């Protein structure tokens, strides 16, 4: 059964500009070390960062995003399995919300082009 759904789209240039302007301060606030390392290893890291940013927003929206239970950016980690499939790891507030709502699994999907990145999340009971 679906408990929640979220989707978000991001302009890649916004993420690229934030990285250029704020550097590691921005990266460390939004992304985990594993996410940063993965994206930096790609030919167009800003596209991969933008996709993860969108997926994190989608997770927040899937939980309701009401502001009463703020989820830190790094409480949501988007990694890839050995086949390239994106996986979401929830920590902190996000993990507590998952337990409270009896969510068994959070599933994410990402896509990106040169200009846009999209992420979506389905919470399953």
C-alpha atoms as a PDB file:
ATOM      1  CA  UNK A   1       0.000   0.000   0.000  1.00  0.00           C
ATOM      2  CA  UNK A   2       1.238   3.493  -0.839  1.00  0.00           C
ATOM      3  CA  UNK A   3       1.659   5.745   2.198  1.00  0.00           C
ATOM      4  CA  UNK A   4       3.092   8.752   0.384  1.00  0.00           C
ATOM      5  CA  UNK A   5       4.344  10.072  -2.942  1.00  0.00           C
ATOM      6  CA  UNK A   6       6.568  13.001  -3.820  1.00  0.00           C
ATOM      7  CA  UNK A   7       8.155  14.423  -6.954  1.00  0.00           C
ATOM      8  CA  UNK A   8      10.493  17.333  -7.616  1.00  0.00           C
ATOM      9  CA  UNK A   9      12.255  18.885 -10.593  1.00  0.00           C
ATOM     10  CA  UNK A  10      15.409  21.005 -10.401  1.00  0.00           C
ATOM     11  CA  UNK A  11      17.246  23.135 -12.909  1.00  0.00           C
ATOM     12  CA  UNK A  12      20.793  21.773 -13.077  1.00  0.00           C
ATOM     13  CA  UNK A  13      22.211  25.288 -13.451  1.00  0.00           C
ATOM     14  CA  UNK A  14      20.851  26.240  -9.993  1.00  0.00           C
ATOM     15  CA  UNK A  15      22.814  23.446  -8.344  1.00  0.00           C
ATOM     16  CA  UNK A  16      25.912  24.234 -10.397  1.00  0.00           C
ATOM     17  CA  UNK A  17      25.668  27.910  -9.381  1.00  0.00           C
ATOM     18  CA  UNK A  18      25.258  27.012  -5.693  1.00  0.00           C
ATOM     19  CA  UNK A  19      28.322  24.766  -5.807  1.00  0.00           C
ATOM     20  CA  UNK A  20      30.319  27.504  -7.527  1.00  0.00           C
ATOM     21  CA  UNK A  21      29.194  30.205  -5.069  1.00  0.00           C
ATOM     22  CA  UNK A  22      29.237  28.275  -1.767  1.00  0.00           C
ATOM     23  CA  UNK A  23      31.514  25.317  -2.526  1.00  0.00           C
ATOM     24  CA  UNK A  24      31.933  22.700   0.185  1.00  0.00           C
ATOM     25  CA  UNK A  25      29.646  24.592   2.587  1.00  0.00           C
ATOM     26  CA  UNK A  26      26.712  23.931   0.242  1.00  0.00           C
ATOM     27  CA  UNK A  27      27.787  20.391  -0.598  1.00  0.00           C
ATOM     28  CA  UNK A  28      28.297  19.362   3.045  1.00  0.00           C
ATOM     29  CA  UNK A  29      24.955  20.843   4.134  1.00  0.00           C
ATOM     30  CA  UNK A  30      22.940  19.058   1.432  1.00  0.00           C
ATOM     31  CA  UNK A  31      24.833  15.862   0.565  1.00  0.00           C
ATOM     32  CA  UNK A  32      26.575  13.027   2.392  1.00  0.00           C
ATOM     33  CA  UNK A  33      30.215  12.189   1.734  1.00  0.00           C
ATOM     34  CA  UNK A  34      29.181   9.121  -0.292  1.00  0.00           C
ATOM     35  CA  UNK A  35      26.839  11.201  -2.458  1.00  0.00           C
ATOM     36  CA  UNK A  36      29.508  13.830  -3.084  1.00  0.00           C
ATOM     37  CA  UNK A  37      32.153  11.229  -3.956  1.00  0.00           C
ATOM     38  CA  UNK A  38      29.794   9.421  -6.344  1.00  0.00           C
ATOM     39  CA  UNK A  39      28.755  12.612  -8.149  1.00  0.00           C
ATOM     40  CA  UNK A  40      32.285  13.998  -8.390  1.00  0.00           C
ATOM     41  CA  UNK A  41      33.285  10.768 -10.142  1.00  0.00           C
ATOM     42  CA  UNK A  42      30.866  11.455 -12.985  1.00  0.00           C
ATOM     43  CA  UNK A  43      31.460  13.426 -16.174  1.00  0.00           C
ATOM     44  CA  UNK A  44      28.760  15.989 -15.315  1.00  0.00           C
ATOM     45  CA  UNK A  45      28.651  15.989 -11.502  1.00  0.00           C
ATOM     46  CA  UNK A  46      26.134  18.840 -11.339  1.00  0.00           C
ATOM     47  CA  UNK A  47      23.525  16.679 -13.117  1.00  0.00           C
ATOM     48  CA  UNK A  48      23.954  13.888 -10.570  1.00  0.00           C
ATOM     49  CA  UNK A  49      23.921  16.321  -7.652  1.00  0.00           C
ATOM     50  CA  UNK A  50      20.738  17.921  -9.013  1.00  0.00           C
ATOM     51  CA  UNK A  51      19.056  14.518  -9.352  1.00  0.00           C
ATOM     52  CA  UNK A  52      19.875  13.685  -5.735  1.00  0.00           C
ATOM     53  CA  UNK A  53      18.681  17.111  -4.615  1.00  0.00           C
ATOM     54  CA  UNK A  54      15.368  16.515  -6.406  1.00  0.00           C
ATOM     55  CA  UNK A  55      15.056  13.035  -4.871  1.00  0.00           C
ATOM     56  CA  UNK A  56      15.649  14.420  -1.371  1.00  0.00           C
ATOM     57  CA  UNK A  57      12.903  16.999  -1.959  1.00  0.00           C
ATOM     58  CA  UNK A  58      10.633  14.217  -3.232  1.00  0.00           C
ATOM     59  CA  UNK A  59      11.231  12.203  -0.054  1.00  0.00           C
ATOM     60  CA  UNK A  60      10.359  15.255   2.047  1.00  0.00           C
ATOM     61  CA  UNK A  61       7.159  15.762   0.051  1.00  0.00           C
ATOM     62  CA  UNK A  62       6.249  12.083   0.333  1.00  0.00           C
ATOM     63  CA  UNK A  63       6.369  12.433   4.129  1.00  0.00           C
ATOM     64  CA  UNK A  64       4.092  15.464   3.933  1.00  0.00           C
ATOM     65  CA  UNK A  65       6.616  18.258   4.262  1.00  0.00           C
ATOM     66  CA  UNK A  66       4.531  20.107   6.839  1.00  0.00           C
ATOM     67  CA  UNK A  67       7.491  21.632   8.688  1.00  0.00           C
ATOM     68  CA  UNK A  68       6.469  20.040  12.003  1.00  0.00           C
ATOM     69  CA  UNK A  69       9.063  17.297  11.607  1.00  0.00           C
ATOM     70  CA  UNK A  70      11.985  18.905   9.793  1.00  0.00           C
ATOM     71  CA  UNK A  71      14.114  16.444   7.900  1.00  0.00           C
ATOM     72  CA  UNK A  72      17.768  17.421   7.548  1.00  0.00           C
ATOM     73  CA  UNK A  73      19.137  17.192   4.027  1.00  0.00           C
ATOM     74  CA  UNK A  74      21.688  14.605   5.113  1.00  0.00           C
ATOM     75  CA  UNK A  75      18.994  12.495   6.826  1.00  0.00           C
ATOM     76  CA  UNK A  76      18.148  11.368   3.293  1.00  0.00           C
ATOM     77  CA  UNK A  77      20.984   9.678   1.386  1.00  0.00           C
ATOM     78  CA  UNK A  78      20.640   8.588  -2.230  1.00  0.00           C
ATOM     79  CA  UNK A  79      23.141   5.929  -3.270  1.00  0.00           C
ATOM     80  CA  UNK A  80      23.246   3.358  -6.053  1.00  0.00           C
ATOM     81  CA  UNK A  81      23.317  -0.403  -5.752  1.00  0.00           C
ATOM     82  CA  UNK A  82      25.873  -2.460  -7.690  1.00  0.00           C
ATOM     83  CA  UNK A  83      23.589  -2.395 -10.760  1.00  0.00           C
ATOM     84  CA  UNK A  84      23.117   1.394 -10.679  1.00  0.00           C
ATOM     85  CA  UNK A  85      19.616   1.368  -9.172  1.00  0.00           C
ATOM     86  CA  UNK A  86      19.115   4.324  -6.814  1.00  0.00           C
ATOM     87  CA  UNK A  87      18.433   3.463  -3.192  1.00  0.00           C
ATOM     88  CA  UNK A  88      17.345   5.750  -0.373  1.00  0.00           C
ATOM     89  CA  UNK A  89      18.782   5.468   3.116  1.00  0.00           C
ATOM     90  CA  UNK A  90      16.849   7.320   5.809  1.00  0.00           C
ATOM     91  CA  UNK A  91      18.480   8.514   9.024  1.00  0.00           C
ATOM     92  CA  UNK A  92      17.547  10.780  11.930  1.00  0.00           C
ATOM     93  CA  UNK A  93      14.120  12.433  11.665  1.00  0.00           C
ATOM     94  CA  UNK A  94      13.367  10.728   8.351  1.00  0.00           C
ATOM     95  CA  UNK A  95      13.961   7.296   9.872  1.00  0.00           C
ATOM     96  CA  UNK A  96      11.828   8.181  12.914  1.00  0.00           C
ATOM     97  CA  UNK A  97       8.997   9.293  10.619  1.00  0.00           C
ATOM     98  CA  UNK A  98       9.339   6.065   8.669  1.00  0.00           C
ATOM     99  CA  UNK A  99       8.946   4.051  11.880  1.00  0.00           C
ATOM    100  CA  UNK A 100       6.116   6.240  13.219  1.00  0.00           C
ATOM    101  CA  UNK A 101       4.124   5.863   9.995  1.00  0.00           C
ATOM    102  CA  UNK A 102       4.924   2.162   9.693  1.00  0.00           C
ATOM    103  CA  UNK A 103       6.562   2.678   6.292  1.00  0.00           C
ATOM    104  CA  UNK A 104       8.382  -0.464   5.227  1.00  0.00           C
ATOM    105  CA  UNK A 105      10.281   0.956   2.271  1.00  0.00           C
ATOM    106  CA  UNK A 106      11.032   4.205   0.476  1.00  0.00           C
ATOM    107  CA  UNK A 107      11.593   3.808  -3.266  1.00  0.00           C
ATOM    108  CA  UNK A 108      13.178   6.532  -5.405  1.00  0.00           C
ATOM    109  CA  UNK A 109      13.750   7.100  -9.082  1.00  0.00           C
ATOM    110  CA  UNK A 110      15.993   9.737 -10.661  1.00  0.00           C
ATOM    111  CA  UNK A 111      16.451  11.134 -14.130  1.00  0.00           C
ATOM    112  CA  UNK A 112      18.442  14.012 -15.541  1.00  0.00           C
ATOM    113  CA  UNK A 113      19.357  15.824 -18.722  1.00  0.00           C
ATOM    114  CA  UNK A 114      21.819  18.622 -19.331  1.00  0.00           C
ATOM    115  CA  UNK A 115      19.307  21.182 -18.024  1.00  0.00           C
ATOM    116  CA  UNK A 116      16.921  19.415 -15.641  1.00  0.00           C
ATOM    117  CA  UNK A 117      16.871  16.707 -13.017  1.00  0.00           C
ATOM    118  CA  UNK A 118      13.840  14.993 -11.533  1.00  0.00           C
ATOM    119  CA  UNK A 119      13.394  12.716  -8.561  1.00  0.00           C
ATOM    120  CA  UNK A 120      10.400  10.917  -7.175  1.00  0.00           C
ATOM    121  CA  UNK A 121       9.702   8.875  -4.068  1.00  0.00           C
ATOM    122  CA  UNK A 122       7.040   6.370  -3.099  1.00  0.00           C
ATOM    123  CA  UNK A 123       6.624   5.358   0.543  1.00  0.00           C
ATOM    124  CA  UNK A 124       5.298   1.801   0.872  1.00  0.00           C
ATOM    125  CA  UNK A 125       3.557   0.247   3.877  1.00  0.00           C
END
